[in-house]
PDB file of N, CA and C in Angstrom:
ATOM      1  N   UNK A   1    -160.528-199.768-161.331  1.00  0.00           N
ATOM      2  CA  UNK A   1    -160.186-200.788-162.422  1.00  0.00           C
ATOM      3  C   UNK A   1    -161.100-202.139-162.474  1.00  0.00           C
ATOM      4  N   UNK A   2    -162.128-202.191-163.290  1.00  0.00           N
ATOM      5  CA  UNK A   2    -162.670-203.284-162.697  1.00  0.00           C
ATOM      6  C   UNK A   2    -162.024-204.746-162.966  1.00  0.00           C
ATOM      7  N   UNK A   3    -162.661-205.460-162.551  1.00  0.00           N
ATOM      8  CA  UNK A   3    -161.774-207.390-162.920  1.00  0.00           C
ATOM      9  C   UNK A   3    -162.381-207.627-164.147  1.00  0.00           C
ATOM     10  N   UNK A   4    -163.135-206.944-165.011  1.00  0.00           N
ATOM     11  CA  UNK A   4    -163.747-207.047-166.412  1.00  0.00           C
ATOM     12  C   UNK A   4    -162.797-206.223-167.426  1.00  0.00           C
ATOM     13  N   UNK A   5    -162.256-205.266-166.834  1.00  0.00           N
ATOM     14  CA  UNK A   5    -161.412-204.333-167.442  1.00  0.00           C
ATOM     15  C   UNK A   5    -160.157-204.416-167.468  1.00  0.00           C
ATOM     16  N   UNK A   6    -159.599-205.090-166.552  1.00  0.00           N
ATOM     17  CA  UNK A   6    -158.525-205.664-166.450  1.00  0.00           C
ATOM     18  C   UNK A   6    -158.341-207.031-167.474  1.00  0.00           C
ATOM     19  N   UNK A   7    -159.505-207.831-167.132  1.00  0.00           N
ATOM     20  CA  UNK A   7    -159.270-208.945-168.403  1.00  0.00           C
ATOM     21  C   UNK A   7    -159.421-208.695-169.662  1.00  0.00           C
ATOM     22  N   UNK A   8    -160.225-207.613-169.912  1.00  0.00           N
ATOM     23  CA  UNK A   8    -160.075-207.158-171.624  1.00  0.00           C
ATOM     24  C   UNK A   8    -158.392-206.718-171.660  1.00  0.00           C
ATOM     25  N   UNK A   9    -157.907-206.159-171.071  1.00  0.00           N
ATOM     26  CA  UNK A   9    -156.546-205.134-171.099  1.00  0.00           C
ATOM     27  C   UNK A   9    -155.291-206.804-170.981  1.00  0.00           C
ATOM     28  N   UNK A  10    -155.904-207.845-170.293  1.00  0.00           N
ATOM     29  CA  UNK A  10    -154.985-208.861-170.473  1.00  0.00           C
ATOM     30  C   UNK A  10    -155.030-209.649-171.721  1.00  0.00           C
ATOM     31  N   UNK A  11    -156.215-209.791-172.055  1.00  0.00           N
ATOM     32  CA  UNK A  11    -156.657-210.493-173.350  1.00  0.00           C
ATOM     33  C   UNK A  11    -156.004-209.171-174.766  1.00  0.00           C
ATOM     34  N   UNK A  12    -156.430-208.405-174.541  1.00  0.00           N
ATOM     35  CA  UNK A  12    -155.390-207.480-175.798  1.00  0.00           C
ATOM     36  C   UNK A  12    -154.276-207.736-175.883  1.00  0.00           C
ATOM     37  N   UNK A  13    -153.496-207.644-174.637  1.00  0.00           N
ATOM     38  CA  UNK A  13    -152.138-207.662-174.704  1.00  0.00           C
ATOM     39  C   UNK A  13    -151.564-209.009-175.206  1.00  0.00           C
ATOM     40  N   UNK A  14    -152.490-210.392-174.705  1.00  0.00           N
ATOM     41  CA  UNK A  14    -151.993-211.226-175.080  1.00  0.00           C
ATOM     42  C   UNK A  14    -152.361-211.423-176.672  1.00  0.00           C
ATOM     43  N   UNK A  15    -153.280-211.008-176.830  1.00  0.00           N
ATOM     44  CA  UNK A  15    -153.410-211.224-178.598  1.00  0.00           C
ATOM     45  C   UNK A  15    -152.449-210.169-179.639  1.00  0.00           C
ATOM     46  N   UNK A  16    -152.255-208.850-178.650  1.00  0.00           N
ATOM     47  CA  UNK A  16    -151.165-208.372-179.752  1.00  0.00           C
ATOM     48  C   UNK A  16    -149.589-209.302-179.518  1.00  0.00           C
ATOM     49  N   UNK A  17    -149.389-209.696-178.745  1.00  0.00           N
ATOM     50  CA  UNK A  17    -148.068-210.686-178.407  1.00  0.00           C
ATOM     51  C   UNK A  17    -147.979-212.168-179.436  1.00  0.00           C
ATOM     52  N   UNK A  18    -149.438-212.472-179.438  1.00  0.00           N
ATOM     53  CA  UNK A  18    -150.077-213.657-180.503  1.00  0.00           C
ATOM     54  C   UNK A  18    -149.401-213.532-181.900  1.00  0.00           C
ATOM     55  N   UNK A  19    -149.779-212.316-182.431  1.00  0.00           N
ATOM     56  CA  UNK A  19    -149.416-211.595-183.517  1.00  0.00           C
ATOM     57  C   UNK A  19    -148.226-211.141-183.814  1.00  0.00           C
ATOM     58  N   UNK A  20    -148.052-210.632-183.328  1.00  0.00           N
ATOM     59  CA  UNK A  20    -146.107-210.214-183.476  1.00  0.00           C
ATOM     60  C   UNK A  20    -145.729-211.507-183.410  1.00  0.00           C
ATOM     61  N   UNK A  21    -145.761-212.527-182.409  1.00  0.00           N
ATOM     62  CA  UNK A  21    -144.929-213.904-182.845  1.00  0.00           C
ATOM     63  C   UNK A  21    -144.972-214.767-184.040  1.00  0.00           C
ATOM     64  N   UNK A  22    -146.515-214.503-184.842  1.00  0.00           N
ATOM     65  CA  UNK A  22    -146.908-215.390-185.674  1.00  0.00           C
ATOM     66  C   UNK A  22    -146.483-214.392-186.911  1.00  0.00           C
ATOM     67  N   UNK A  23    -146.529-213.336-186.447  1.00  0.00           N
ATOM     68  CA  UNK A  23    -145.637-212.139-187.806  1.00  0.00           C
ATOM     69  C   UNK A  23    -144.398-212.353-188.191  1.00  0.00           C
ATOM     70  N   UNK A  24    -143.867-212.390-187.468  1.00  0.00           N
ATOM     71  CA  UNK A  24    -142.022-212.890-187.426  1.00  0.00           C
ATOM     72  C   UNK A  24    -141.948-214.068-188.034  1.00  0.00           C
ATOM     73  N   UNK A  25    -142.636-215.774-187.283  1.00  0.00           N
ATOM     74  CA  UNK A  25    -142.631-216.631-187.856  1.00  0.00           C
ATOM     75  C   UNK A  25    -142.824-216.641-189.135  1.00  0.00           C
ATOM     76  N   UNK A  26    -143.686-216.151-189.497  1.00  0.00           N
ATOM     77  CA  UNK A  26    -144.147-216.385-191.302  1.00  0.00           C
ATOM     78  C   UNK A  26    -143.514-215.522-192.069  1.00  0.00           C
ATOM     79  N   UNK A  27    -142.625-214.166-191.339  1.00  0.00           N
ATOM     80  CA  UNK A  27    -142.204-213.837-192.283  1.00  0.00           C
ATOM     81  C   UNK A  27    -140.550-213.747-192.438  1.00  0.00           C
ATOM     82  N   UNK A  28    -139.910-214.892-191.465  1.00  0.00           N
ATOM     83  CA  UNK A  28    -138.769-215.402-191.590  1.00  0.00           C
ATOM     84  C   UNK A  28    -138.794-216.543-192.579  1.00  0.00           C
ATOM     85  N   UNK A  29    -139.737-217.490-192.289  1.00  0.00           N
ATOM     86  CA  UNK A  29    -139.916-218.751-192.727  1.00  0.00           C
ATOM     87  C   UNK A  29    -140.588-218.857-194.022  1.00  0.00           C
ATOM     88  N   UNK A  30    -141.674-217.912-193.970  1.00  0.00           N
ATOM     89  CA  UNK A  30    -142.079-217.656-195.587  1.00  0.00           C
ATOM     90  C   UNK A  30    -140.914-217.513-196.491  1.00  0.00           C
ATOM     91  N   UNK A  31    -139.952-216.082-196.398  1.00  0.00           N
ATOM     92  CA  UNK A  31    -138.625-216.462-197.259  1.00  0.00           C
ATOM     93  C   UNK A  31    -137.498-217.242-196.966  1.00  0.00           C
ATOM     94  N   UNK A  32    -137.577-217.907-196.215  1.00  0.00           N
ATOM     95  CA  UNK A  32    -136.404-218.551-196.216  1.00  0.00           C
ATOM     96  C   UNK A  32    -136.979-220.086-196.844  1.00  0.00           C
ATOM     97  N   UNK A  33    -138.113-220.306-196.922  1.00  0.00           N
ATOM     98  CA  UNK A  33    -138.761-221.519-197.967  1.00  0.00           C
ATOM     99  C   UNK A  33    -138.831-220.741-199.553  1.00  0.00           C
ATOM    100  N   UNK A  34    -138.900-219.307-199.395  1.00  0.00           N
ATOM    101  CA  UNK A  34    -138.842-218.965-201.329  1.00  0.00           C
ATOM    102  C   UNK A  34    -137.262-219.386-201.588  1.00  0.00           C
ATOM    103  N   UNK A  35    -136.025-219.057-200.502  1.00  0.00           N
ATOM    104  CA  UNK A  35    -135.207-218.721-200.821  1.00  0.00           C
ATOM    105  C   UNK A  35    -134.491-220.569-201.240  1.00  0.00           C
ATOM    106  N   UNK A  36    -134.984-221.050-200.539  1.00  0.00           N
ATOM    107  CA  UNK A  36    -134.409-222.677-200.456  1.00  0.00           C
ATOM    108  C   UNK A  36    -135.184-223.243-201.894  1.00  0.00           C
ATOM    109  N   UNK A  37    -136.028-223.145-202.168  1.00  0.00           N
ATOM    110  CA  UNK A  37    -136.784-223.351-203.355  1.00  0.00           C
ATOM    111  C   UNK A  37    -135.955-222.728-204.528  1.00  0.00           C
ATOM    112  N   UNK A  38    -135.477-221.561-204.378  1.00  0.00           N
ATOM    113  CA  UNK A  38    -135.045-220.736-205.764  1.00  0.00           C
ATOM    114  C   UNK A  38    -133.810-221.797-205.475  1.00  0.00           C
ATOM    115  N   UNK A  39    -133.181-222.047-204.597  1.00  0.00           N
ATOM    116  CA  UNK A  39    -131.674-222.835-204.490  1.00  0.00           C
ATOM    117  C   UNK A  39    -131.539-223.831-205.028  1.00  0.00           C
ATOM    118  N   UNK A  40    -132.779-224.653-205.063  1.00  0.00           N
ATOM    119  CA  UNK A  40    -132.858-226.112-205.719  1.00  0.00           C
ATOM    120  C   UNK A  40    -133.138-226.127-206.821  1.00  0.00           C
ATOM    121  N   UNK A  41    -133.699-225.175-207.592  1.00  0.00           N
ATOM    122  CA  UNK A  41    -134.417-224.878-208.863  1.00  0.00           C
ATOM    123  C   UNK A  41    -132.921-224.563-209.708  1.00  0.00           C
ATOM    124  N   UNK A  42    -132.515-223.527-209.267  1.00  0.00           N
ATOM    125  CA  UNK A  42    -130.826-223.222-209.823  1.00  0.00           C
ATOM    126  C   UNK A  42    -129.867-223.552-209.226  1.00  0.00           C
ATOM    127  N   UNK A  43    -129.806-224.843-208.393  1.00  0.00           N
ATOM    128  CA  UNK A  43    -128.825-225.597-208.098  1.00  0.00           C
ATOM    129  C   UNK A  43    -127.564-224.150-207.154  1.00  0.00           C
ATOM    130  N   UNK A  44    -127.961-223.449-206.929  1.00  0.00           N
ATOM    131  CA  UNK A  44    -127.218-222.316-205.940  1.00  0.00           C
ATOM    132  C   UNK A  44    -127.278-222.642-204.891  1.00  0.00           C
ATOM    133  N   UNK A  45    -126.482-223.327-204.175  1.00  0.00           N
ATOM    134  CA  UNK A  45    -127.170-223.724-202.708  1.00  0.00           C
ATOM    135  C   UNK A  45    -126.997-223.132-201.824  1.00  0.00           C
ATOM    136  N   UNK A  46    -126.370-222.211-201.458  1.00  0.00           N
ATOM    137  CA  UNK A  46    -126.943-221.167-200.147  1.00  0.00           C
ATOM    138  C   UNK A  46    -127.045-219.646-200.378  1.00  0.00           C
ATOM    139  N   UNK A  47    -126.512-219.450-201.470  1.00  0.00           N
ATOM    140  CA  UNK A  47    -127.059-217.830-202.042  1.00  0.00           C
ATOM    141  C   UNK A  47    -128.343-217.541-201.947  1.00  0.00           C
ATOM    142  N   UNK A  48    -129.098-217.758-202.325  1.00  0.00           N
ATOM    143  CA  UNK A  48    -130.481-217.577-202.141  1.00  0.00           C
ATOM    144  C   UNK A  48    -131.336-217.657-201.207  1.00  0.00           C
ATOM    145  N   UNK A  49    -131.001-218.438-200.321  1.00  0.00           N
ATOM    146  CA  UNK A  49    -131.820-218.731-199.008  1.00  0.00           C
ATOM    147  C   UNK A  49    -131.017-218.270-197.791  1.00  0.00           C
ATOM    148  N   UNK A  50    -129.431-217.591-197.839  1.00  0.00           N
ATOM    149  CA  UNK A  50    -129.200-216.242-197.029  1.00  0.00           C
ATOM    150  C   UNK A  50    -129.753-215.254-197.200  1.00  0.00           C
ATOM    151  N   UNK A  51    -129.952-214.809-198.822  1.00  0.00           N
ATOM    152  CA  UNK A  51    -130.727-213.505-198.962  1.00  0.00           C
ATOM    153  C   UNK A  51    -132.253-213.898-198.705  1.00  0.00           C
ATOM    154  N   UNK A  52    -132.953-214.665-198.965  1.00  0.00           N
ATOM    155  CA  UNK A  52    -134.341-214.471-198.613  1.00  0.00           C
ATOM    156  C   UNK A  52    -134.174-214.299-197.022  1.00  0.00           C
ATOM    157  N   UNK A  53    -133.447-215.387-196.498  1.00  0.00           N
ATOM    158  CA  UNK A  53    -133.950-215.489-194.999  1.00  0.00           C
ATOM    159  C   UNK A  53    -133.468-213.962-194.321  1.00  0.00           C
ATOM    160  N   UNK A  54    -132.504-213.380-195.150  1.00  0.00           N
ATOM    161  CA  UNK A  54    -132.276-211.876-194.181  1.00  0.00           C
ATOM    162  C   UNK A  54    -133.062-210.798-194.382  1.00  0.00           C
ATOM    163  N   UNK A  55    -133.980-210.973-195.887  1.00  0.00           N
ATOM    164  CA  UNK A  55    -134.846-210.386-196.340  1.00  0.00           C
ATOM    165  C   UNK A  55    -136.118-210.594-195.140  1.00  0.00           C
ATOM    166  N   UNK A  56    -136.474-212.123-194.818  1.00  0.00           N
ATOM    167  CA  UNK A  56    -137.450-212.173-194.100  1.00  0.00           C
ATOM    168  C   UNK A  56    -137.156-211.660-192.740  1.00  0.00           C
ATOM    169  N   UNK A  57    -136.057-211.914-192.204  1.00  0.00           N
ATOM    170  CA  UNK A  57    -135.940-210.919-191.092  1.00  0.00           C
ATOM    171  C   UNK A  57    -135.721-209.397-190.781  1.00  0.00           C
ATOM    172  N   UNK A  58    -135.587-208.594-192.108  1.00  0.00           N
ATOM    173  CA  UNK A  58    -135.920-207.375-192.228  1.00  0.00           C
ATOM    174  C   UNK A  58    -137.298-206.734-192.369  1.00  0.00           C
ATOM    175  N   UNK A  59    -137.786-208.148-193.020  1.00  0.00           N
ATOM    176  CA  UNK A  59    -139.532-207.697-193.514  1.00  0.00           C
ATOM    177  C   UNK A  59    -139.886-207.728-192.116  1.00  0.00           C
ATOM    178  N   UNK A  60    -139.513-208.908-191.321  1.00  0.00           N
ATOM    179  CA  UNK A  60    -140.661-208.967-189.825  1.00  0.00           C
ATOM    180  C   UNK A  60    -140.389-207.956-189.167  1.00  0.00           C
ATOM    181  N   UNK A  61    -138.637-207.525-188.884  1.00  0.00           N
ATOM    182  CA  UNK A  61    -138.811-206.103-188.348  1.00  0.00           C
ATOM    183  C   UNK A  61    -139.332-204.393-188.774  1.00  0.00           C
ATOM    184  N   UNK A  62    -139.876-204.951-189.894  1.00  0.00           N
ATOM    185  CA  UNK A  62    -140.346-203.371-190.235  1.00  0.00           C
ATOM    186  C   UNK A  62    -141.863-203.996-190.019  1.00  0.00           C
ATOM    187  N   UNK A  63    -142.630-205.130-189.704  1.00  0.00           N
ATOM    188  CA  UNK A  63    -143.776-205.634-190.190  1.00  0.00           C
ATOM    189  C   UNK A  63    -143.813-204.966-188.266  1.00  0.00           C
ATOM    190  N   UNK A  64    -143.192-205.617-187.415  1.00  0.00           N
ATOM    191  CA  UNK A  64    -143.559-205.229-185.834  1.00  0.00           C
ATOM    192  C   UNK A  64    -143.370-203.728-185.899  1.00  0.00           C
ATOM    193  N   UNK A  65    -142.549-203.329-186.567  1.00  0.00           N
ATOM    194  CA  UNK A  65    -142.009-201.640-186.107  1.00  0.00           C
ATOM    195  C   UNK A  65    -143.552-200.839-186.701  1.00  0.00           C
ATOM    196  N   UNK A  66    -143.836-201.447-187.465  1.00  0.00           N
ATOM    197  CA  UNK A  66    -145.648-200.450-187.975  1.00  0.00           C
ATOM    198  C   UNK A  66    -146.443-200.865-186.859  1.00  0.00           C
ATOM    199  N   UNK A  67    -146.999-202.583-186.758  1.00  0.00           N
ATOM    200  CA  UNK A  67    -147.869-202.332-186.173  1.00  0.00           C
ATOM    201  C   UNK A  67    -147.405-202.115-184.524  1.00  0.00           C
ATOM    202  N   UNK A  68    -146.314-201.889-184.023  1.00  0.00           N
ATOM    203  CA  UNK A  68    -146.242-201.378-182.273  1.00  0.00           C
ATOM    204  C   UNK A  68    -146.589-200.100-182.660  1.00  0.00           C
ATOM    205  N   UNK A  69    -146.303-199.514-183.710  1.00  0.00           N
ATOM    206  CA  UNK A  69    -146.401-197.847-184.015  1.00  0.00           C
ATOM    207  C   UNK A  69    -148.038-197.232-183.896  1.00  0.00           C
ATOM    208  N   UNK A  70    -148.874-198.492-184.215  1.00  0.00           N
ATOM    209  CA  UNK A  70    -150.048-198.226-184.581  1.00  0.00           C
ATOM    210  C   UNK A  70    -151.103-198.901-183.271  1.00  0.00           C
ATOM    211  N   UNK A  71    -150.515-199.408-182.135  1.00  0.00           N
ATOM    212  CA  UNK A  71    -150.617-199.922-180.992  1.00  0.00           C
ATOM    213  C   UNK A  71    -150.368-198.967-180.376  1.00  0.00           C
ATOM    214  N   UNK A  72    -149.557-198.517-180.288  1.00  0.00           N
ATOM    215  CA  UNK A  72    -148.881-197.551-179.152  1.00  0.00           C
ATOM    216  C   UNK A  72    -149.652-196.361-179.303  1.00  0.00           C
ATOM    217  N   UNK A  73    -150.077-195.982-180.752  1.00  0.00           N
ATOM    218  CA  UNK A  73    -151.121-194.654-181.085  1.00  0.00           C
ATOM    219  C   UNK A  73    -152.471-194.636-180.407  1.00  0.00           C
ATOM    220  N   UNK A  74    -152.795-196.050-180.473  1.00  0.00           N
ATOM    221  CA  UNK A  74    -154.080-196.369-180.396  1.00  0.00           C
ATOM    222  C   UNK A  74    -154.476-196.514-178.847  1.00  0.00           C
ATOM    223  N   UNK A  75    -153.166-196.509-177.872  1.00  0.00           N
ATOM    224  CA  UNK A  75    -152.918-196.884-176.218  1.00  0.00           C
ATOM    225  C   UNK A  75    -152.911-195.765-176.415  1.00  0.00           C
ATOM    226  N   UNK A  76    -152.481-194.372-176.534  1.00  0.00           N
ATOM    227  CA  UNK A  76    -151.831-193.304-176.194  1.00  0.00           C
ATOM    228  C   UNK A  76    -153.086-192.555-176.626  1.00  0.00           C
ATOM    229  N   UNK A  77    -153.914-192.700-177.234  1.00  0.00           N
ATOM    230  CA  UNK A  77    -155.521-192.208-178.093  1.00  0.00           C
ATOM    231  C   UNK A  77    -156.275-192.386-176.303  1.00  0.00           C
ATOM    232  N   UNK A  78    -156.624-193.442-175.938  1.00  0.00           N
ATOM    233  CA  UNK A  78    -157.383-193.595-174.773  1.00  0.00           C
ATOM    234  C   UNK A  78    -156.724-193.329-173.612  1.00  0.00           C
ATOM    235  N   UNK A  79    -155.376-193.116-173.239  1.00  0.00           N
ATOM    236  CA  UNK A  79    -154.746-192.148-172.214  1.00  0.00           C
ATOM    237  C   UNK A  79    -155.297-190.693-171.787  1.00  0.00           C
TER     238      UNK A  79
END
């Protein structure tokens, strides 16, 4: 395994970790923001915030699963 090949693998792993981290943050904070906005409009303090944060966590896990599933299929294909 050459130096360039090791560098390529390291950058590929780093980009995957970055993508996964951004995906989780956007899902959770995006849904949380929507929940807080709905709560402010309707005057229902924590109800929609909690519901949408839980929805954001669930969507983050689903997105992580789908992304890792595709990534591991690609890795198995090259081995």
